[in-house]
């Protein structure tokens, strides 16, 4: 039987920490709890966690500083937990080296799903290419092409082995195009099928989202987000 993966939960609210621990234990994780930043750094060395759930508002050393210290010597996955939902706070956390950021209050099932998703991404990135398992088959909520995985169930995008943060509509647009490779869609069709028939916005909304996708997802040798002039867009697969 495979070893149980270990999660270090860092939160000064004992009730929240115990609840998180309970849900993760039910999913066959081993957990330990640290109540402040100093204890977190000590338990990290003793426990050797596979992933850390890190609250930002901690007594003494705060979560940002804990993340900064850990990143000096380790690339252990870190999911930051915070009541701060501003873009600035999320960007700061991710720039310091966090792998994901969740705003409190959060759904426990979503937290467990994100823990599993981050561990999968890290495992896939660390595994030598020649030994990687074949990509899962595409489904109604999952599509994979070379260097690109879009998981609609967990709302995650992995590009060249790295997680890419993007708003829901960008992700849904990318998923829809990638799910129908080499098929050309007009802006009106994409508005209907991604935004919904009742959406009353301008078709330029599609152009803006495509532009943002191209800033985050660069074309690869095997595929590209292509413009079909006078018609619309397609996810083009190349042989």
Protein backbone atom coordinates (compact mmCIF):
# COMPACT_ATOMS: atom_id res chain seq x y z
CA UNK A 1 0.00 0.00 0.00
CA UNK A 2 1.32 3.46 -0.90
CA UNK A 3 2.46 5.72 1.93
CA UNK A 4 -0.14 8.23 3.06
CA UNK A 5 0.69 11.77 1.98
CA UNK A 6 1.32 14.22 4.79
CA UNK A 7 -0.31 17.63 5.23
CA UNK A 8 0.90 20.31 7.65
CA UNK A 9 -2.00 22.59 8.66
CA UNK A 10 -0.87 26.00 9.94
CA UNK A 11 -3.71 27.97 11.53
CA UNK A 12 -4.07 29.70 14.90
CA UNK A 13 -7.81 28.95 14.95
CA UNK A 14 -7.92 25.49 16.51
CA UNK A 15 -11.50 24.80 15.40
CA UNK A 16 -10.73 25.48 11.75
CA UNK A 17 -7.50 23.49 11.89
CA UNK A 18 -9.21 20.48 13.48
CA UNK A 19 -12.04 20.59 10.92
CA UNK A 20 -9.57 20.67 8.03
CA UNK A 21 -7.63 17.81 9.62
CA UNK A 22 -10.81 15.76 9.97
CA UNK A 23 -11.72 16.10 6.29
CA UNK A 24 -8.19 15.31 5.12
CA UNK A 25 -7.90 12.31 7.42
CA UNK A 26 -11.10 10.92 5.90
CA UNK A 27 -9.36 11.22 2.52
CA UNK A 28 -6.44 9.12 3.82
CA UNK A 29 -3.97 11.94 4.48
CA UNK A 30 -1.77 12.13 7.58
CA UNK A 31 -1.98 15.57 9.21
CA UNK A 32 -0.27 17.65 11.84
CA UNK A 33 -1.29 21.11 13.10
CA UNK A 34 0.88 24.13 13.89
CA UNK A 35 -0.68 27.15 15.62
CA UNK A 36 1.90 29.81 14.73
CA UNK A 37 4.73 30.56 12.33
CA UNK A 38 7.57 29.43 14.59
CA UNK A 39 5.89 26.08 15.26
CA UNK A 40 5.22 25.68 11.54
CA UNK A 41 8.92 25.98 10.66
CA UNK A 42 9.86 23.47 13.38
CA UNK A 43 7.18 20.94 12.39
CA UNK A 44 8.09 21.30 8.73
CA UNK A 45 11.55 19.89 9.51
CA UNK A 46 10.25 17.20 11.86
CA UNK A 47 7.14 16.08 9.95
CA UNK A 48 8.38 16.45 6.34
CA UNK A 49 4.96 17.26 4.85
CA UNK A 50 4.09 16.72 1.19
CA UNK A 51 2.00 19.91 1.22
CA UNK A 52 1.33 22.81 3.62
CA UNK A 53 -1.96 24.64 4.23
CA UNK A 54 -0.81 28.02 5.47
CA UNK A 55 -3.00 30.65 7.13
CA UNK A 56 -1.66 34.17 6.58
CA UNK A 57 -2.81 35.89 9.77
CA UNK A 58 -0.63 34.13 12.36
CA UNK A 59 0.73 35.37 15.68
CA UNK A 60 4.45 36.14 15.61
CA UNK A 61 5.78 35.22 12.17
CA UNK A 62 2.93 35.67 9.69
CA UNK A 63 2.14 33.35 6.79
CA UNK A 64 3.91 35.47 4.21
CA UNK A 65 7.16 35.29 6.18
CA UNK A 66 6.76 31.54 6.76
CA UNK A 67 6.34 31.06 3.00
CA UNK A 68 9.40 33.22 2.33
CA UNK A 69 11.51 31.19 4.78
CA UNK A 70 10.36 27.85 3.39
CA UNK A 71 11.11 28.87 -0.18
CA UNK A 72 14.76 29.49 0.73
CA UNK A 73 15.31 25.75 1.07
CA UNK A 74 12.23 23.89 -0.17
CA UNK A 75 9.72 23.70 -3.01
CA UNK A 76 7.09 21.92 -0.92
CA UNK A 77 3.62 22.82 -2.26
CA UNK A 78 1.88 25.57 -0.28
CA UNK A 79 -1.79 26.54 -0.36
CA UNK A 80 -2.39 29.86 1.39
CA UNK A 81 -5.60 30.33 3.39
CA UNK A 82 -6.81 33.83 4.16
CA UNK A 83 -9.84 35.99 4.81
CA UNK A 84 -8.18 38.56 2.51
CA UNK A 85 -9.71 38.23 -0.92
CA UNK A 86 -8.21 41.24 -2.68
CA UNK A 87 -6.24 40.66 -5.87
CA UNK A 88 -3.17 42.31 -4.30
CA UNK A 89 -3.11 39.76 -1.47
CA UNK A 90 -3.49 36.82 -3.84
CA UNK A 91 -0.78 38.09 -6.18
CA UNK A 92 1.59 38.72 -3.28
CA UNK A 93 1.07 35.21 -1.96
CA UNK A 94 1.63 33.62 -5.36
CA UNK A 95 4.70 35.76 -6.04
CA UNK A 96 6.21 34.64 -2.72
CA UNK A 97 5.95 31.07 -3.94
CA UNK A 98 2.51 29.76 -2.96
CA UNK A 99 0.99 27.22 -5.34
CA UNK A 100 -2.62 28.18 -4.66
CA UNK A 101 -4.66 30.67 -2.62
CA UNK A 102 -8.06 30.10 -1.02
CA UNK A 103 -10.25 32.75 0.58
CA UNK A 104 -12.02 32.02 3.87
CA UNK A 105 -14.68 30.87 4.39
CA UNK A 106 -14.23 28.02 1.92
CA UNK A 107 -15.98 24.74 1.23
CA UNK A 108 -14.14 21.81 2.78
CA UNK A 109 -14.70 19.63 -0.29
CA UNK A 110 -13.14 22.29 -2.51
CA UNK A 111 -10.14 22.49 -0.19
CA UNK A 112 -9.60 18.72 -0.37
CA UNK A 113 -9.96 18.86 -4.17
CA UNK A 114 -7.37 21.64 -4.40
CA UNK A 115 -4.95 19.75 -2.17
CA UNK A 116 -5.21 16.73 -4.45
CA UNK A 117 -4.90 18.88 -7.59
CA UNK A 118 -1.74 20.66 -6.36
CA UNK A 119 -0.16 17.34 -5.37
CA UNK A 120 -1.00 15.89 -8.80
CA UNK A 121 0.55 18.87 -10.56
CA UNK A 122 3.72 18.70 -8.48
CA UNK A 123 3.99 14.96 -9.01
CA UNK A 124 3.58 15.29 -12.76
CA UNK A 125 6.15 18.09 -12.97
CA UNK A 126 8.71 16.11 -10.97
CA UNK A 127 8.32 12.89 -12.92
CA UNK A 128 10.75 12.37 -15.85
CA UNK A 129 8.97 12.80 -19.16
CA UNK A 130 9.86 9.33 -20.41
CA UNK A 131 8.25 7.76 -17.31
CA UNK A 132 5.08 9.82 -17.20
CA UNK A 133 1.78 7.99 -17.42
CA UNK A 134 -0.34 8.63 -20.51
CA UNK A 135 -2.68 11.57 -20.16
CA UNK A 136 -6.20 10.65 -18.99
CA UNK A 137 -8.77 10.38 -21.74
CA UNK A 138 -10.71 13.52 -22.51
CA UNK A 139 -14.17 13.72 -20.95
CA UNK A 140 -17.02 16.18 -20.46
CA UNK A 141 -14.97 18.02 -17.83
CA UNK A 142 -11.39 17.23 -18.82
CA UNK A 143 -9.33 17.92 -21.94
CA UNK A 144 -5.63 17.34 -22.49
CA UNK A 145 -3.25 18.18 -25.32
CA UNK A 146 0.55 18.33 -25.37
CA UNK A 147 1.70 20.64 -22.53
CA UNK A 148 -1.90 21.63 -21.72
CA UNK A 149 -4.49 20.20 -19.32
CA UNK A 150 -7.80 21.93 -18.64
CA UNK A 151 -9.85 20.41 -15.81
CA UNK A 152 -13.33 21.92 -15.65
CA UNK A 153 -14.29 19.85 -12.60
CA UNK A 154 -11.60 21.53 -10.46
CA UNK A 155 -11.29 24.71 -12.58
CA UNK A 156 -7.56 24.23 -13.06
CA UNK A 157 -5.26 24.75 -16.03
CA UNK A 158 -1.82 23.18 -16.24
CA UNK A 159 0.50 24.53 -18.94
CA UNK A 160 3.97 23.02 -19.46
CA UNK A 161 3.73 21.39 -16.03
CA UNK A 162 2.85 24.63 -14.22
CA UNK A 163 -0.48 25.76 -12.80
CA UNK A 164 -1.91 28.83 -14.56
CA UNK A 165 -4.33 31.02 -12.64
CA UNK A 166 -7.21 32.35 -14.72
CA UNK A 167 -10.78 33.59 -14.16
CA UNK A 168 -13.64 31.13 -14.76
CA UNK A 169 -14.76 32.52 -18.13
CA UNK A 170 -11.21 32.44 -19.56
CA UNK A 171 -10.88 28.83 -18.42
CA UNK A 172 -14.29 27.89 -19.82
CA UNK A 173 -13.49 29.52 -23.17
CA UNK A 174 -10.15 27.69 -23.38
CA UNK A 175 -11.83 24.41 -22.42
CA UNK A 176 -14.54 24.78 -25.06
CA UNK A 177 -12.08 25.56 -27.85
CA UNK A 178 -9.63 22.82 -26.79
CA UNK A 179 -12.52 20.34 -26.52
CA UNK A 180 -13.35 20.96 -30.20
CA UNK A 181 -9.94 21.17 -31.92
CA UNK A 182 -9.70 22.48 -35.49
CA UNK A 183 -13.31 23.65 -35.44
CA UNK A 184 -13.87 27.33 -36.17
CA UNK A 185 -16.32 29.23 -33.96
CA UNK A 186 -17.65 32.71 -34.57
CA UNK A 187 -17.69 35.22 -31.72
CA UNK A 188 -21.47 34.91 -31.53
CA UNK A 189 -21.25 31.12 -31.23
CA UNK A 190 -18.70 31.38 -28.43
CA UNK A 191 -20.85 33.91 -26.59
CA UNK A 192 -23.81 31.55 -26.86
CA UNK A 193 -21.94 28.41 -25.76
CA UNK A 194 -19.61 29.82 -23.11
CA UNK A 195 -21.48 32.85 -21.75
CA UNK A 196 -25.01 31.60 -22.45
CA UNK A 197 -27.81 32.51 -24.81
CA UNK A 198 -29.09 35.29 -22.57
CA UNK A 199 -25.77 37.13 -22.46
CA UNK A 200 -26.25 40.64 -23.85
CA UNK A 201 -22.61 41.73 -23.97
CA UNK A 202 -20.59 42.90 -26.95
CA UNK A 203 -18.85 40.28 -29.12
CA UNK A 204 -15.59 42.11 -28.38
CA UNK A 205 -15.76 40.37 -25.00
CA UNK A 206 -14.55 37.24 -26.79
CA UNK A 207 -11.62 39.13 -28.33
CA UNK A 208 -10.56 40.43 -24.92
CA UNK A 209 -10.66 36.95 -23.38
CA UNK A 210 -8.70 35.44 -26.28
CA UNK A 211 -6.08 38.17 -25.87
CA UNK A 212 -5.74 37.37 -22.16
CA UNK A 213 -5.49 33.66 -22.87
CA UNK A 214 -2.69 34.26 -25.35
CA UNK A 215 -0.80 36.24 -22.72
CA UNK A 216 -0.92 33.24 -20.38
CA UNK A 217 -0.91 30.30 -22.82
CA UNK A 218 1.66 30.55 -25.59
CA UNK A 219 1.32 28.50 -28.78
CA UNK A 220 3.17 25.19 -28.84
CA UNK A 221 4.61 23.15 -31.69
CA UNK A 222 1.54 20.90 -31.70
CA UNK A 223 -1.24 23.45 -31.21
CA UNK A 224 -2.19 27.11 -31.20
CA UNK A 225 -5.06 29.48 -30.45
CA UNK A 226 -5.65 30.67 -33.99
CA UNK A 227 -7.62 33.55 -35.45
CA UNK A 228 -9.62 32.82 -38.60
CA UNK A 229 -9.95 36.28 -40.08
CA UNK A 230 -13.50 37.36 -40.79
CA UNK A 231 -14.92 34.33 -38.98
CA UNK A 232 -13.67 33.78 -35.41
CA UNK A 233 -11.30 31.50 -33.52
CA UNK A 234 -10.20 27.88 -33.25
CA UNK A 235 -7.90 25.67 -31.24
CA UNK A 236 -5.68 24.38 -34.04
CA UNK A 237 -3.95 21.02 -33.73
CA UNK A 238 -0.89 20.41 -35.89
CA UNK A 239 0.59 17.07 -36.87
